[in-house]
Structures are given as C-alpha cells and as structure tokens.
C-alpha cells in the first residue's frame, strides 16, 4: 500500500520547537516532498517544499523559523519547527508532488497545537 505516515506532532508552548517526520512506503526520488498545514476554518496552505535536488521554498509566514530536510534513501522527510507561535496551530500534512505544489499523495496528518 502506497502511503505517507507523519509523526512528531503534539502540544508545545509558544517559542518552543517540534520536529515532524514523514516516512514513505515507496521511493521519493525525483519527487518534491512538501509539508502543508490546515488550521480550523482555513484553507490548506503550503508550509515548505523540497525538490529532489535539494532546492527549498517556504511559505511567507515561516520567516526563517522552519527547516525542511529529506533523507531520500531512507524515504523520509522532516520539518524542524522553531519559535512556534499560537497561529502555527494546525494539522500538518506530508505530501509527495511530481511538480511543485501539486501533490499526488498525502499523509493522514499530524496535529500541532501551540498554546500556553
């Protein structure tokens, strides 16, 4: 079964950090690997994207706080999130994209709550 499985979400205080992980059951070579998020009542938005060659793009709201990385041989993608703010509260999704910001495979999501 082709799937992406996220982990690492949870409750964190403002200013804290979390590291999300995503494991794929199939090769991620030659794909963009991306993180999206969806907050209650809002549309899903792109958080970070990493091409197969290592190029990265981030949502404007990231402002240098998050870092996407990948271990292609292990079929894993990560999102290191620092200086978290309450407005970062959302369900975070890992996605595989043949082209930038055009996912063809989604994970089930992991909840991130930033609250004191």
Protein backbone atom coordinates (compact mmCIF):
# COMPACT_ATOMS: atom_id res chain seq x y z
CA UNK A 1 0.00 0.00 0.00
CA UNK A 2 1.40 3.38 -1.04
CA UNK A 3 1.31 5.73 1.89
CA UNK A 4 2.93 8.56 3.78
CA UNK A 5 2.92 8.46 7.57
CA UNK A 6 3.60 11.55 9.65
CA UNK A 7 4.65 11.71 13.28
CA UNK A 8 6.00 14.22 15.77
CA UNK A 9 3.04 16.47 16.34
CA UNK A 10 1.83 17.44 19.77
CA UNK A 11 1.30 20.26 22.25
CA UNK A 12 4.07 22.81 22.65
CA UNK A 13 4.33 26.18 24.36
CA UNK A 14 4.84 29.38 22.36
CA UNK A 15 8.50 29.76 21.50
CA UNK A 16 9.04 26.01 21.58
CA UNK A 17 10.14 23.57 18.91
CA UNK A 18 8.86 20.43 17.25
CA UNK A 19 10.29 18.12 14.63
CA UNK A 20 7.84 16.43 12.30
CA UNK A 21 8.77 13.30 10.41
CA UNK A 22 7.23 11.64 7.39
CA UNK A 23 8.01 8.14 6.19
CA UNK A 24 7.06 6.96 2.73
CA UNK A 25 6.31 3.36 1.80
CA UNK A 26 7.66 3.98 -1.70
CA UNK A 27 10.59 5.79 -3.23
CA UNK A 28 10.59 9.59 -3.00
CA UNK A 29 13.34 10.02 -5.57
CA UNK A 30 12.52 12.53 -8.31
CA UNK A 31 9.63 13.98 -6.30
CA UNK A 32 9.14 17.21 -4.47
CA UNK A 33 8.39 16.45 -0.84
CA UNK A 34 6.26 19.03 0.85
CA UNK A 35 4.59 19.97 4.10
CA UNK A 36 1.20 21.62 4.22
CA UNK A 37 -0.96 22.70 7.09
CA UNK A 38 -4.61 23.38 7.68
CA UNK A 39 -5.91 25.35 10.62
CA UNK A 40 -9.56 25.17 11.70
CA UNK A 41 -11.74 27.19 9.36
CA UNK A 42 -8.88 27.95 6.99
CA UNK A 43 -7.68 26.60 3.67
CA UNK A 44 -4.78 24.24 3.45
CA UNK A 45 -1.53 26.09 2.77
CA UNK A 46 1.95 25.15 1.70
CA UNK A 47 4.47 25.33 4.53
CA UNK A 48 7.63 24.05 2.89
CA UNK A 49 8.77 22.27 -0.25
CA UNK A 50 11.98 20.50 -1.11
CA UNK A 51 12.87 19.32 -4.59
CA UNK A 52 14.71 16.10 -5.33
CA UNK A 53 17.83 18.18 -5.98
CA UNK A 54 17.59 19.93 -2.62
CA UNK A 55 16.06 23.27 -3.53
CA UNK A 56 13.66 24.65 -0.95
CA UNK A 57 10.71 27.02 -0.78
CA UNK A 58 8.80 28.19 2.26
CA UNK A 59 5.53 29.95 2.94
CA UNK A 60 5.95 33.64 3.70
CA UNK A 61 4.70 33.09 7.23
CA UNK A 62 7.63 30.78 8.02
CA UNK A 63 10.07 33.72 8.28
CA UNK A 64 13.13 31.53 8.79
CA UNK A 65 11.65 29.54 11.67
CA UNK A 66 11.18 26.19 9.91
CA UNK A 67 13.57 23.93 8.02
CA UNK A 68 12.61 21.13 5.66
CA UNK A 69 15.02 18.29 5.00
CA UNK A 70 14.93 14.85 3.45
CA UNK A 71 16.75 11.55 3.55
CA UNK A 72 15.91 10.16 0.15
CA UNK A 73 17.49 6.70 0.56
CA UNK A 74 15.52 6.23 3.79
CA UNK A 75 12.38 7.68 2.18
CA UNK A 76 11.96 10.20 4.98
CA UNK A 77 11.18 13.90 5.15
CA UNK A 78 11.41 16.18 8.15
CA UNK A 79 10.17 19.58 9.23
CA UNK A 80 12.05 21.25 12.04
CA UNK A 81 9.89 23.98 13.52
CA UNK A 82 11.38 26.53 15.92
CA UNK A 83 9.97 29.62 17.60
CA UNK A 84 6.45 28.26 17.28
CA UNK A 85 3.55 30.67 17.65
CA UNK A 86 -0.12 30.04 18.51
CA UNK A 87 -1.03 30.78 14.89
CA UNK A 88 1.05 27.77 13.84
CA UNK A 89 -1.61 25.54 15.39
CA UNK A 90 -2.89 23.28 12.62
CA UNK A 91 -2.91 19.78 11.22
CA UNK A 92 0.32 19.31 9.30
CA UNK A 93 0.37 17.07 6.25
CA UNK A 94 3.23 15.50 4.38
CA UNK A 95 2.79 15.26 0.61
CA UNK A 96 4.57 13.94 -2.42
CA UNK A 97 4.46 16.05 -5.56
CA UNK A 98 5.61 15.27 -9.10
CA UNK A 99 5.63 19.03 -9.66
CA UNK A 100 5.98 21.88 -7.22
CA UNK A 101 2.84 22.35 -5.07
CA UNK A 102 0.91 19.68 -6.96
CA UNK A 103 0.63 16.71 -4.60
CA UNK A 104 -0.44 13.30 -5.76
CA UNK A 105 -0.09 11.57 -2.41
CA UNK A 106 -0.98 12.77 1.09
CA UNK A 107 -0.32 11.59 4.58
CA UNK A 108 -3.04 11.42 7.19
CA UNK A 109 -1.79 14.48 9.06
CA UNK A 110 -0.38 15.18 12.50
CA UNK A 111 -1.83 17.73 14.90
CA UNK A 112 0.31 20.58 16.19
CA UNK A 113 -1.04 22.75 19.00
CA UNK A 114 0.89 25.77 20.20
CA UNK A 115 -0.55 27.00 23.45
CA UNK A 116 0.47 28.02 26.93
